[in-house]
Amino acid sequence: MPKERFVGELVAVGLASWARRRRGPLYALVIYGALVAWSREAGAADDPSPSEPAPANRTTKTPPVELRHDLAVDLAATAALTATLVTWGLLIKPNLDAPSCVICDGPSGTVNPVDDFFRSSLRLPSDSPASVISDVMAYGVAPSAGVALAILVPLADGRGNEAALDILLVVQASLAFAVVQQGLSELFPRERPATHFAEGDERARALAHHSSFESFPAGHNGSAFAIAAASGTVATMRGYRLAPLVWAVGGALALTTSYLRIAADRHYFTDVAVGAGLGVGIGIAIPLLFHRPVNGERRSAAFGWLDGATLTTSEVPGGRVVGIGKGF
């Protein structure tokens, strides 16, 4: 018997005896019961059940997965990408004359059938609200959500110490996308839809601005896709239980941004599609190529969130239905 429990029961017996003489049997019973309960709780705290896990294990839901990285190199690479974008955006591009289109859409007011279909279907009568909201989504909501998930998802597995590196790797991938997107936009100038379909003086004023030729590839939605793909890839490689949530939230924000850019008449569907492809490709490639899990045997643990996933298929009249499910 633990020492605290033994002492507690001795004290309980003595006080109960005193209470029986002074206050009556009922009062003695209450004192005795309360003190015995206290003594047993004290003993249980010092004598945990062998089957109960240690307190340190209660917060760790998944095993740690270390990613390849060199903090000095990764910080230097991130700083170099940032400096490149700042130099280009603030010092070089404002001094450039408007280019001539490389991807040209024919006479003003005409465009290929695919882009014409999506523009006619999705464009809003007033483009200003959609344009502002897309700016907020791409450069406010999507990055903020990425940072928030990069903190909360590791914390949910008791691995909050991994969040800072995860954020750095996501920022690195999103900056890499931005550099590539800006380079392609300069190599392949294309008039924005609003410019191409403008008329008279309005079109003449738009053609004088360099930004009117930055339709291809789309940057806003591509940036959102890069953040979503990089965040999802890092979370998957880490083996976080909530990795699917990271993919789902990031993908939803990126798709919303894609719609808004078409609705605002800032990009064609093909611009948005290429931007999305670049964002997803770079967002996945940077973590996979440079930051894979350190130990090969841990690589399989990174996909532990797939446990419980099911794939079913059945024939139906005229074809076959495929179903994907996940048990939690």
Protein backbone atom coordinates (compact mmCIF):
# COMPACT_ATOMS: atom_id res chain seq x y z
CA MET A 1 0.00 0.00 0.00
CA PRO A 2 1.42 3.47 -0.85
CA LYS A 3 2.53 5.56 2.11
CA GLU A 4 0.01 8.36 1.48
CA ARG A 5 -2.90 5.90 1.44
CA PHE A 6 -1.76 4.21 4.69
CA VAL A 7 -1.35 7.53 6.51
CA GLY A 8 -4.65 8.81 5.14
CA GLU A 9 -6.60 5.83 6.42
CA LEU A 10 -5.00 6.10 9.88
CA VAL A 11 -6.02 9.76 10.03
CA ALA A 12 -9.50 8.83 8.85
CA VAL A 13 -9.94 6.24 11.60
CA GLY A 14 -8.79 8.68 14.29
CA LEU A 15 -11.00 11.56 13.14
CA ALA A 16 -13.98 9.29 12.75
CA SER A 17 -13.55 8.04 16.30
CA TRP A 18 -13.41 11.62 17.57
CA ALA A 19 -16.45 12.63 15.54
CA ARG A 20 -18.46 9.68 16.80
CA ARG A 21 -17.92 10.84 20.37
CA ARG A 22 -18.48 14.53 19.67
CA ARG A 23 -20.91 14.82 16.76
CA GLY A 24 -22.66 11.56 16.33
CA PRO A 25 -22.38 8.50 14.00
CA LEU A 26 -23.54 10.19 10.78
CA TYR A 27 -20.95 12.95 10.98
CA ALA A 28 -18.25 10.35 11.70
CA LEU A 29 -19.28 8.35 8.63
CA VAL A 30 -19.04 11.42 6.37
CA ILE A 31 -15.55 12.35 7.63
CA TYR A 32 -14.33 8.78 7.32
CA GLY A 33 -15.64 8.38 3.75
CA ALA A 34 -14.16 11.66 2.54
CA LEU A 35 -10.72 10.98 3.98
CA VAL A 36 -10.58 7.40 2.69
CA ALA A 37 -11.49 8.64 -0.78
CA TRP A 38 -8.72 11.23 -0.60
CA SER A 39 -6.16 8.69 0.55
CA ARG A 40 -7.03 6.28 -2.26
CA GLU A 41 -6.77 9.01 -4.91
CA ALA A 42 -3.37 9.95 -3.59
CA GLY A 43 -2.27 6.34 -3.74
CA ALA A 44 -3.60 5.90 -7.27
CA ALA A 45 -1.68 8.97 -8.46
CA ASP A 46 1.59 7.45 -7.30
CA ASP A 47 0.74 3.93 -8.47
CA PRO A 48 -0.53 4.17 -12.08
CA SER A 49 -1.83 1.12 -13.85
CA PRO A 50 0.87 -0.68 -15.87
CA SER A 51 -1.41 -0.62 -18.92
CA GLU A 52 -1.80 3.17 -18.80
CA PRO A 53 0.60 4.91 -21.22
CA ALA A 54 3.12 7.39 -19.93
CA PRO A 55 1.95 11.03 -19.99
CA ALA A 56 4.52 11.86 -22.67
CA ASN A 57 2.89 9.41 -25.06
CA ARG A 58 -0.60 10.81 -24.69
CA THR A 59 0.08 13.82 -26.95
CA THR A 60 1.97 12.01 -29.71
CA LYS A 61 -0.52 10.61 -32.19
CA THR A 62 1.94 9.82 -35.02
CA PRO A 63 5.66 9.04 -34.96
CA PRO A 64 8.06 11.87 -35.91
CA VAL A 65 9.27 11.91 -39.51
CA GLU A 66 12.43 13.94 -40.10
CA LEU A 67 12.72 15.69 -43.46
CA ARG A 68 15.97 16.36 -45.29
CA HIS A 69 17.02 19.96 -44.85
CA ASP A 70 19.96 22.23 -44.24
CA LEU A 71 18.66 25.27 -42.41
CA ALA A 72 21.41 27.58 -43.63
CA VAL A 73 20.98 26.50 -47.26
CA ASP A 74 17.18 26.62 -47.13
CA LEU A 75 17.16 30.08 -45.56
CA ALA A 76 19.66 31.32 -48.13
CA ALA A 77 17.62 29.86 -51.01
CA THR A 78 14.43 31.43 -49.66
CA ALA A 79 16.15 34.80 -49.25
CA ALA A 80 17.54 34.60 -52.80
CA LEU A 81 14.11 33.84 -54.25
CA THR A 82 12.61 36.73 -52.29
CA ALA A 83 15.34 39.12 -53.44
CA THR A 84 14.80 38.06 -57.05
CA LEU A 85 11.07 38.79 -56.89
CA VAL A 86 11.55 42.13 -55.11
CA THR A 87 14.23 43.27 -57.55
CA TRP A 88 12.11 42.27 -60.54
CA GLY A 89 8.85 43.66 -59.25
CA LEU A 90 10.09 46.96 -57.82
CA LEU A 91 13.17 47.88 -59.83
CA ILE A 92 13.05 46.25 -63.26
CA LYS A 93 9.47 45.62 -64.40
CA PRO A 94 8.14 49.17 -63.72
CA ASN A 95 10.72 50.53 -66.17
CA LEU A 96 9.87 48.16 -69.01
CA ASP A 97 7.81 49.21 -72.01
CA ALA A 98 4.69 47.26 -72.88
CA PRO A 99 5.68 44.25 -75.00
CA SER A 100 4.03 42.78 -78.08
CA CYS A 101 2.02 39.62 -77.66
CA VAL A 102 3.72 36.28 -78.24
CA ILE A 103 0.52 34.36 -77.53
CA CYS A 104 -1.85 36.35 -79.75
CA ASP A 105 -5.59 35.76 -79.87
CA GLY A 106 -6.36 37.20 -83.28
CA PRO A 107 -8.41 40.34 -83.94
CA SER A 108 -9.64 42.32 -80.96
CA GLY A 109 -12.76 40.74 -79.50
CA THR A 110 -12.10 37.20 -80.73
CA VAL A 111 -10.56 34.26 -78.91
CA ASN A 112 -10.37 30.47 -79.25
CA PRO A 113 -13.60 28.50 -78.57
CA VAL A 114 -12.45 27.02 -75.24
CA ASP A 115 -11.52 30.34 -73.67
CA ASP A 116 -14.55 32.02 -75.20
CA PHE A 117 -16.87 29.42 -73.64
CA PHE A 118 -15.49 29.81 -70.11
CA ARG A 119 -15.27 33.60 -70.38
CA SER A 120 -18.86 33.85 -71.54
CA SER A 121 -20.05 31.46 -68.82
CA LEU A 122 -18.11 32.76 -65.80
CA ARG A 123 -17.38 36.45 -66.37
CA LEU A 124 -19.30 38.81 -64.12
CA PRO A 125 -20.85 42.07 -65.38
CA SER A 126 -18.71 44.07 -62.95
CA ASP A 127 -15.16 42.81 -62.71
CA SER A 128 -13.89 45.01 -59.86
CA PRO A 129 -15.33 43.08 -56.85
CA ALA A 130 -14.13 39.73 -58.18
CA SER A 131 -10.68 41.18 -58.87
CA VAL A 132 -10.33 42.58 -55.35
CA ILE A 133 -11.60 39.38 -53.73
CA SER A 134 -9.18 37.29 -55.81
CA ASP A 135 -6.30 39.50 -54.62
CA VAL A 136 -7.35 38.91 -51.02
CA MET A 137 -7.78 35.17 -51.61
CA ALA A 138 -4.45 34.65 -53.37
CA TYR A 139 -2.21 36.85 -51.22
CA GLY A 140 -4.15 36.94 -47.96
CA VAL A 141 -6.47 34.04 -47.24
CA ALA A 142 -4.51 31.24 -48.96
CA PRO A 143 -1.13 32.06 -47.31
CA SER A 144 -2.79 32.66 -43.92
CA ALA A 145 -4.65 29.35 -44.13
CA GLY A 146 -1.43 27.60 -45.15
CA VAL A 147 0.43 28.99 -42.13
CA ALA A 148 -2.45 28.25 -39.76
CA LEU A 149 -2.72 24.63 -40.93
CA ALA A 150 1.07 24.22 -40.83
CA ILE A 151 0.87 25.07 -37.12
CA LEU A 152 -2.38 23.36 -36.09
CA VAL A 153 -1.95 20.07 -37.96
CA PRO A 154 1.40 19.17 -36.30
CA LEU A 155 0.01 20.30 -32.94
CA ALA A 156 -2.89 17.87 -33.38
CA ASP A 157 -0.28 15.08 -33.45
CA GLY A 158 1.76 16.46 -30.57
CA ARG A 159 4.54 17.53 -32.96
CA GLY A 160 4.34 21.32 -32.87
CA ASN A 161 8.13 21.59 -32.96
CA GLU A 162 8.01 20.64 -36.67
CA ALA A 163 5.77 23.55 -37.70
CA ALA A 164 8.49 26.18 -38.25
CA LEU A 165 10.40 24.04 -40.75
CA ASP A 166 7.16 23.04 -42.50
CA ILE A 167 6.28 26.72 -43.02
CA LEU A 168 9.75 27.47 -44.38
CA LEU A 169 9.50 24.66 -46.94
CA VAL A 170 6.06 25.81 -48.09
CA VAL A 171 7.26 29.41 -48.45
CA GLN A 172 10.26 28.18 -50.43
CA ALA A 173 8.07 26.28 -52.90
CA SER A 174 5.59 29.15 -53.33
CA LEU A 175 8.42 31.61 -54.02
CA ALA A 176 9.92 29.21 -56.56
CA PHE A 177 6.57 29.14 -58.36
CA ALA A 178 6.38 32.94 -58.38
CA VAL A 179 9.83 33.23 -59.97
CA VAL A 180 8.95 30.68 -62.68
CA GLN A 181 5.57 32.30 -63.33
CA GLN A 182 7.07 35.77 -63.71
CA GLY A 183 9.69 34.44 -66.10
CA LEU A 184 7.13 32.69 -68.30
CA SER A 185 4.88 35.74 -68.26
CA GLU A 186 7.74 37.82 -69.62
CA LEU A 187 8.71 35.23 -72.24
CA PHE A 188 5.14 34.65 -73.47
CA PRO A 189 3.21 37.94 -73.24
CA ARG A 190 -0.53 37.60 -73.77
CA GLU A 191 -3.18 40.30 -73.55
CA ARG A 192 -5.51 39.99 -70.61
CA PRO A 193 -9.15 39.32 -71.61
CA ALA A 194 -10.27 42.75 -70.39
CA THR A 195 -7.61 44.34 -72.61
CA HIS A 196 -8.26 42.16 -75.64
CA PHE A 197 -12.01 42.84 -75.59
CA ALA A 198 -11.71 46.55 -74.80
CA GLU A 199 -12.46 49.11 -77.49
CA GLY A 200 -11.35 52.58 -78.51
CA ASP A 201 -9.48 54.75 -76.01
CA GLU A 202 -9.91 52.20 -73.24
CA ARG A 203 -8.01 49.61 -75.26
CA ALA A 204 -5.32 52.11 -76.22
CA ARG A 205 -4.72 53.03 -72.58
CA ALA A 206 -4.56 49.38 -71.53
CA LEU A 207 -2.04 48.46 -74.23
CA ALA A 208 0.35 51.07 -72.85
CA HIS A 209 0.77 49.13 -69.59
CA HIS A 210 3.12 46.19 -69.16
CA SER A 211 0.70 44.48 -66.76
CA SER A 212 -1.91 44.23 -69.53
CA PHE A 213 0.26 41.55 -71.16
CA GLU A 214 0.60 39.30 -68.09
CA SER A 215 -2.33 37.03 -68.75
CA PHE A 216 -0.31 33.83 -69.27
CA PRO A 217 0.23 31.90 -67.06
CA ALA A 218 -2.10 32.99 -64.25
CA GLY A 219 -0.23 33.92 -61.09
CA HIS A 220 -2.90 34.39 -58.44
CA ASN A 221 -4.48 30.96 -58.65
CA GLY A 222 -1.11 29.35 -59.42
CA SER A 223 0.29 30.78 -56.18
CA ALA A 224 -2.69 29.42 -54.23
CA PHE A 225 -2.21 25.99 -55.83
CA ALA A 226 1.52 26.06 -55.06
CA ILE A 227 0.81 26.77 -51.38
CA ALA A 228 -1.85 24.04 -51.27
CA ALA A 229 0.34 21.44 -52.99
CA ALA A 230 3.46 22.23 -50.97
CA SER A 231 1.52 22.23 -47.68
CA GLY A 232 -0.19 18.97 -48.57
CA THR A 233 3.03 17.30 -49.70
CA VAL A 234 4.91 18.30 -46.55
CA ALA A 235 2.02 17.17 -44.33
CA THR A 236 1.83 13.85 -46.20
CA MET A 237 5.57 13.22 -45.96
CA ARG A 238 5.43 14.02 -42.24
CA GLY A 239 2.61 11.50 -41.84
CA TYR A 240 0.20 13.88 -40.08
CA ARG A 241 -3.25 12.43 -39.50
CA LEU A 242 -4.89 15.62 -40.81
CA ALA A 243 -2.89 15.74 -44.05
CA PRO A 244 -6.09 15.20 -46.12
CA LEU A 245 -7.55 18.32 -44.50
CA VAL A 246 -4.55 20.35 -45.67
CA TRP A 247 -5.09 19.19 -49.26
CA ALA A 248 -8.84 19.81 -49.11
CA VAL A 249 -8.69 23.33 -47.66
CA GLY A 250 -5.83 24.43 -49.91
CA GLY A 251 -7.47 22.99 -53.00
CA ALA A 252 -10.80 24.66 -52.24
CA LEU A 253 -9.16 28.07 -51.81
CA ALA A 254 -7.14 27.64 -55.00
CA LEU A 255 -10.19 26.61 -57.05
CA THR A 256 -12.13 29.59 -55.71
CA THR A 257 -9.30 31.91 -56.71
CA SER A 258 -9.26 30.35 -60.18
CA TYR A 259 -12.93 31.07 -60.67
CA LEU A 260 -12.57 34.66 -59.45
CA ARG A 261 -9.74 35.41 -61.87
CA ILE A 262 -11.91 34.34 -64.82
CA ALA A 263 -14.95 36.11 -63.36
CA ALA A 264 -12.89 39.31 -63.04
CA ASP A 265 -11.85 39.06 -66.72
CA ARG A 266 -8.20 39.04 -65.70
CA HIS A 267 -7.35 35.62 -67.18
CA TYR A 268 -8.62 33.10 -69.68
CA PHE A 269 -9.38 29.53 -68.70
CA THR A 270 -6.17 28.30 -70.38
CA ASP A 271 -4.13 30.83 -68.37
CA VAL A 272 -5.69 29.57 -65.17
CA ALA A 273 -5.25 25.92 -66.13
CA VAL A 274 -1.55 26.34 -66.89
CA GLY A 275 -1.05 28.39 -63.72
CA ALA A 276 -2.73 25.66 -61.68
CA GLY A 277 -0.59 22.96 -63.29
CA LEU A 278 2.61 24.88 -62.61
CA GLY A 279 1.56 25.60 -59.03
CA VAL A 280 0.74 21.98 -58.26
CA GLY A 281 3.83 20.68 -60.05
CA ILE A 282 6.29 23.03 -58.33
CA GLY A 283 4.48 22.75 -54.99
CA ILE A 284 4.91 18.98 -55.03
CA ALA A 285 8.32 18.82 -56.72
CA ILE A 286 10.27 21.13 -54.38
CA PRO A 287 9.49 19.16 -51.18
CA LEU A 288 9.83 15.78 -52.88
CA LEU A 289 13.12 16.54 -54.63
CA PHE A 290 14.89 18.37 -51.82
CA HIS A 291 13.15 17.44 -48.56
CA ARG A 292 12.25 13.77 -48.64
CA PRO A 293 12.09 11.88 -45.31
CA VAL A 294 15.59 11.16 -44.01
CA ASN A 295 15.21 7.43 -43.38
CA GLY A 296 13.86 5.17 -46.10
CA GLU A 297 11.95 3.05 -43.61
CA ARG A 298 10.11 6.13 -42.40
CA ARG A 299 8.94 7.00 -45.86
CA SER A 300 6.10 4.52 -45.62
CA ALA A 301 5.02 6.05 -42.31
CA ALA A 302 4.49 9.33 -44.14
CA PHE A 303 1.51 7.78 -45.89
CA GLY A 304 -0.04 6.30 -42.78
CA TRP A 305 -3.02 8.63 -43.20
CA LEU A 306 -4.07 6.35 -46.08
CA ASP A 307 -4.91 3.61 -43.56
CA GLY A 308 -8.61 3.01 -43.79
CA ALA A 309 -8.86 4.21 -47.38
CA THR A 310 -10.99 2.05 -49.68
CA LEU A 311 -11.42 1.81 -53.43
CA THR A 312 -14.53 0.09 -54.78
CA THR A 313 -15.82 -0.48 -58.28
CA SER A 314 -19.03 -1.91 -59.66
CA GLU A 315 -20.66 -2.27 -63.01
CA VAL A 316 -23.74 -0.25 -63.88
CA PRO A 317 -25.78 -0.12 -67.09
CA GLY A 318 -23.63 1.62 -69.66
CA GLY A 319 -20.39 1.70 -67.68
CA ARG A 320 -18.68 1.32 -64.32
CA VAL A 321 -18.79 3.30 -61.08
CA VAL A 322 -15.64 3.81 -59.01
CA GLY A 323 -15.92 4.87 -55.36
CA ILE A 324 -13.24 6.15 -52.99
CA GLY A 325 -13.78 6.19 -49.23
CA LYS A 326 -11.89 6.88 -46.03
CA GLY A 327 -12.57 5.59 -42.54
CA PHE A 328 -11.71 7.69 -39.49
